[in-house]
Protein backbone atom coordinates (compact mmCIF):
# COMPACT_ATOMS: atom_id res chain seq x y z
CA MET A 1 69.21 70.22 28.76
CA MET A 2 68.84 67.47 26.16
CA LYS A 3 71.01 67.89 23.07
CA PHE A 4 71.10 65.28 20.31
CA THR A 5 73.00 66.02 17.13
CA GLY A 6 73.81 64.19 13.94
CA ASN A 7 72.40 60.79 13.07
CA LYS A 8 73.02 59.08 16.39
CA THR A 9 70.89 56.00 16.95
CA MET A 10 69.18 56.29 20.31
CA LYS A 11 67.65 53.75 22.64
CA LEU A 12 64.21 55.02 23.64
CA LEU A 13 62.15 53.57 26.49
CA TYR A 14 58.42 54.38 26.59
CA PHE A 15 56.23 53.90 29.67
CA MET A 16 52.52 53.73 28.81
CA ASP A 17 49.51 53.38 31.12
CA ASN A 18 47.43 50.26 31.87
CA GLY A 19 46.66 49.55 28.24
CA ASN A 20 43.34 47.78 28.85
CA ALA A 21 41.37 50.38 26.90
CA PHE A 22 42.10 52.44 23.80
CA GLY A 23 42.90 56.03 24.78
CA GLY A 24 44.00 59.12 22.89
CA ALA A 25 47.03 59.93 25.05
CA VAL A 26 48.54 56.44 24.84
CA ASN A 27 47.75 56.15 21.14
CA THR A 28 49.53 59.45 20.51
CA LEU A 29 52.64 58.36 22.37
CA LEU A 30 52.63 54.93 20.73
CA LEU A 31 52.47 56.55 17.30
CA GLN A 32 55.46 58.68 18.26
CA ALA A 33 57.32 55.54 19.34
CA ILE A 34 56.52 53.85 16.01
CA LEU A 35 57.77 56.89 14.12
CA MET A 36 61.06 56.80 16.04
CA LYS A 37 61.38 53.09 15.28
CA LYS A 38 60.89 53.75 11.57
CA HIS A 39 63.68 56.31 11.75
CA GLY A 40 66.07 53.61 12.91
CA HIS A 41 66.08 54.09 16.67
CA ASP A 42 65.92 51.26 19.20
CA VAL A 43 62.43 51.45 20.74
CA ILE A 44 61.10 49.57 23.78
CA VAL A 45 57.57 49.96 25.16
CA CYS A 46 56.37 49.12 28.66
CA PHE A 47 52.77 48.97 29.90
CA SER A 48 51.77 48.97 33.55
CA SER A 49 50.65 45.67 35.07
CA THR A 50 49.11 47.42 38.10
CA GLY A 51 45.42 46.46 38.19
CA LEU A 52 45.73 45.24 34.62
CA GLN A 53 43.23 42.87 33.03
CA GLY A 54 45.31 42.58 29.89
CA ILE A 55 46.74 44.76 27.13
CA ILE A 56 44.22 45.22 24.32
CA ASN A 57 45.06 43.56 21.01
CA SER A 58 45.30 46.83 19.09
CA TYR A 59 48.30 47.93 21.18
CA ARG A 60 49.98 44.53 20.91
CA LYS A 61 49.43 44.54 17.15
CA MET A 62 50.87 48.03 16.73
CA CYS A 63 54.04 46.99 18.56
CA THR A 64 54.39 43.59 16.88
CA GLU A 65 53.88 44.89 13.35
CA ASN A 66 56.56 47.54 13.90
CA GLY A 67 59.13 45.28 15.59
CA ILE A 68 58.85 47.00 18.98
CA LEU A 69 59.62 45.03 22.14
CA LEU A 70 56.63 45.12 24.50
CA PHE A 71 56.62 44.13 28.18
CA GLN A 72 54.92 44.97 31.50
CA LEU A 73 56.01 46.22 34.92
CA PRO A 74 54.12 47.30 38.06
CA TYR A 75 53.79 51.08 38.34
CA GLU A 76 51.01 53.62 38.66
CA ILE A 77 50.42 56.65 36.50
CA SER A 78 48.04 59.50 37.11
CA SER A 79 46.16 61.69 34.68
CA CYS A 80 45.06 63.78 37.63
CA THR A 81 47.62 65.38 39.93
CA GLU A 82 45.40 64.78 42.95
CA ASN A 83 45.68 61.00 42.53
CA ILE A 84 49.43 60.61 43.05
CA ASN A 85 50.03 57.47 45.13
CA VAL A 86 53.15 57.87 47.26
CA VAL A 87 52.90 54.33 48.71
CA SER A 88 52.87 52.77 45.25
CA MET A 89 55.79 54.95 44.21
CA LEU A 90 57.91 53.56 47.06
CA GLU A 91 56.83 49.96 46.41
CA ASP A 92 57.60 50.04 42.69
CA TYR A 93 60.77 52.13 42.80
CA ASP A 94 63.40 49.35 42.88
CA ILE A 95 61.65 47.32 40.18
CA ILE A 96 61.54 50.30 37.82
CA LYS A 97 65.12 51.26 38.65
CA ASN A 98 66.47 47.78 37.92
CA CYS A 99 64.61 47.67 34.61
CA ILE A 100 65.87 51.06 33.47
CA GLN A 101 69.43 50.21 34.50
CA GLN A 102 69.34 47.00 32.45
CA ILE A 103 67.93 48.72 29.36
CA ASN A 104 70.10 51.83 29.81
CA PRO A 105 68.07 54.09 27.49
CA ASP A 106 69.19 57.46 26.14
CA VAL A 107 65.74 58.96 26.71
CA ILE A 108 62.67 57.89 28.68
CA HIS A 109 59.23 59.01 27.53
CA SER A 110 56.02 58.42 29.49
CA VAL A 111 52.34 59.17 29.19
CA GLN A 112 50.48 61.10 31.90
CA ILE A 113 52.22 61.71 35.25
CA ASN A 114 54.59 58.81 35.97
CA TYR A 115 56.20 59.94 39.21
CA THR A 116 58.09 56.70 39.89
CA VAL A 117 59.84 56.81 36.52
CA GLU A 118 60.61 60.50 36.99
CA LEU A 119 62.39 60.00 40.32
CA VAL A 120 64.33 57.00 38.98
CA SER A 121 65.36 58.95 35.89
CA ARG A 122 66.76 61.72 38.08
CA GLU A 123 68.83 59.26 40.10
CA LEU A 124 70.19 57.68 36.91
CA SER A 125 70.60 61.04 35.09
CA ILE A 126 68.45 60.03 32.12
CA PRO A 127 66.17 62.64 30.49
CA HIS A 128 62.47 61.87 31.04
CA ILE A 129 59.76 63.44 28.87
CA MET A 130 56.15 63.56 30.02
CA ASN A 131 53.15 63.54 27.67
CA ILE A 132 50.39 65.23 29.63
CA TYR A 133 47.39 67.37 28.90
CA PRO A 134 45.07 69.51 31.05
CA SER A 135 45.01 69.69 34.80
CA LEU A 136 42.37 71.17 37.06
CA PRO A 137 42.74 74.97 37.03
CA ALA A 138 43.22 75.09 40.82
CA PHE A 139 46.13 72.64 40.70
CA PHE A 140 48.80 75.22 40.03
CA SER A 141 47.86 77.21 43.13
CA ILE A 142 48.85 74.27 45.36
CA GLN A 143 52.40 73.29 46.27
CA TYR A 144 52.86 69.61 45.40
CA MET A 145 55.82 67.30 45.81
CA ASP A 146 58.49 67.76 43.18
CA VAL A 147 57.67 64.62 41.18
CA PHE A 148 56.97 66.15 37.78
CA PRO A 149 59.27 65.59 34.80
CA ARG A 150 61.40 68.55 33.73
CA TYR A 151 60.45 68.04 30.07
CA MET A 152 56.93 67.91 28.64
CA LEU A 153 55.18 67.39 25.30
CA CYS A 154 51.50 67.66 24.40
CA ASP A 155 49.46 68.57 21.33
CA SER A 156 48.23 71.85 22.79
CA TYR A 157 50.26 75.07 22.80
CA TYR A 158 47.95 76.39 25.50
CA TRP A 159 48.62 73.56 27.95
CA ALA A 160 52.30 73.36 27.09
CA LYS A 161 52.68 77.02 28.06
CA THR A 162 50.44 76.58 31.12
CA TRP A 163 52.61 73.78 32.57
CA GLN A 164 55.80 75.55 31.55
CA ASN A 165 54.88 78.82 33.20
CA ALA A 166 53.48 77.23 36.36
CA LEU A 167 56.20 74.65 37.08
CA GLY A 168 59.19 75.80 35.07
CA LEU A 169 59.16 72.76 32.80
CA LYS A 170 60.68 72.76 29.33
CA ALA A 171 57.48 72.23 27.35
CA ASP A 172 56.56 72.09 23.69
CA CYS A 173 53.66 71.17 21.42
CA ILE A 174 53.82 68.25 18.97
CA ARG A 175 50.71 67.25 17.06
CA THR A 176 49.53 63.65 16.70
CA VAL A 177 51.84 61.73 14.38
CA VAL A 178 50.68 60.29 11.06
CA ASP A 179 52.63 58.63 8.25
CA ASP A 180 50.65 60.15 5.42
CA PHE A 181 47.20 61.21 4.34
CA LYS A 182 45.05 59.03 2.10
CA PHE A 183 41.88 60.49 0.67
CA LYS A 184 39.33 58.68 -1.44
CA GLU A 185 37.97 60.58 -4.42
CA SER A 186 34.57 60.47 -2.74
CA PHE A 187 35.95 61.94 0.50
CA SER A 188 33.36 64.73 0.39
CA SER A 189 30.90 66.27 -1.99
CA HIS A 190 30.43 69.96 -2.64
CA LEU A 191 27.12 69.91 -0.80
CA VAL A 192 27.59 67.77 2.30
CA THR A 193 30.51 67.77 4.74
CA ARG A 194 30.69 65.42 7.72
CA PHE A 195 32.44 66.40 10.97
CA ILE A 196 33.60 63.98 13.65
CA SER A 197 34.73 65.10 17.10
CA VAL A 198 36.27 62.33 19.22
CA GLY A 199 36.72 62.45 22.99
CA ASN A 200 34.93 62.65 26.30
CA VAL A 201 32.38 65.45 26.43
CA CYS A 202 33.89 68.03 28.76
CA ASP A 203 34.81 71.71 28.92
CA GLY A 204 38.50 71.06 28.33
CA LYS A 205 37.94 69.33 24.99
CA ASN A 206 35.75 72.25 23.89
CA GLN A 207 33.17 70.35 21.83
CA LEU A 208 30.92 73.38 22.17
CA GLU A 209 33.09 75.18 19.62
CA VAL A 210 32.51 72.34 17.14
CA ILE A 211 28.75 72.69 17.63
CA LYS A 212 28.99 76.47 17.15
CA ALA A 213 31.03 75.98 13.98
CA VAL A 214 28.47 73.59 12.50
CA HIS A 215 25.69 76.02 13.40
CA SER A 216 27.58 78.84 11.70
CA LEU A 217 27.98 76.75 8.54
CA LEU A 218 24.26 75.92 8.51
CA LEU A 219 23.42 79.62 8.78
CA SER A 220 25.78 80.28 5.87
CA GLY A 221 23.86 77.86 3.63
CA TYR A 222 25.97 74.72 3.92
CA GLU A 223 24.16 71.40 4.27
């Protein structure tokens, strides 16, 4: 069980995904890393070089502007449990282990399912937190290898409880981090309100509820 008390400065190592496209999960974790940096902790960020065409400038800029060390290592992550690559895990294990030993972080935090980092963290007795979201409903009825982190964060109470109940993880919900809110005086009028829903169109993101809500507002006389 992780217990941190007082004002101890921690060294935090973050493992992202391939970083060649802007994605919600990585952006969320990177914002969390920036917040920890602003609170005085030592923050290091790693992106995967496996199949990488290059880290997009927005990620590099976010790290540079906040004084966060950014580097790359070969490892695979999976957003889908069915895509776990055991061969890659064995090939990358020593590289990841040597890196983590040199950095010697207090906590490791990764996006999606990073099975290589999880197994290394167990060997080195370093807590590893996973940021993960939905899985296919049938997944939890199948017995997989024990490669999942023991700690999990996501921005959904539903999925936090689902993973926790199914696999016995210590899971919690943390919403996307922001520094502050800035509204222009012309943010909205009394007559017209604009809604934006961002994400792939799929059942899990539940855009249908947004459409139903807009329809309900129209029926109630809103423009």
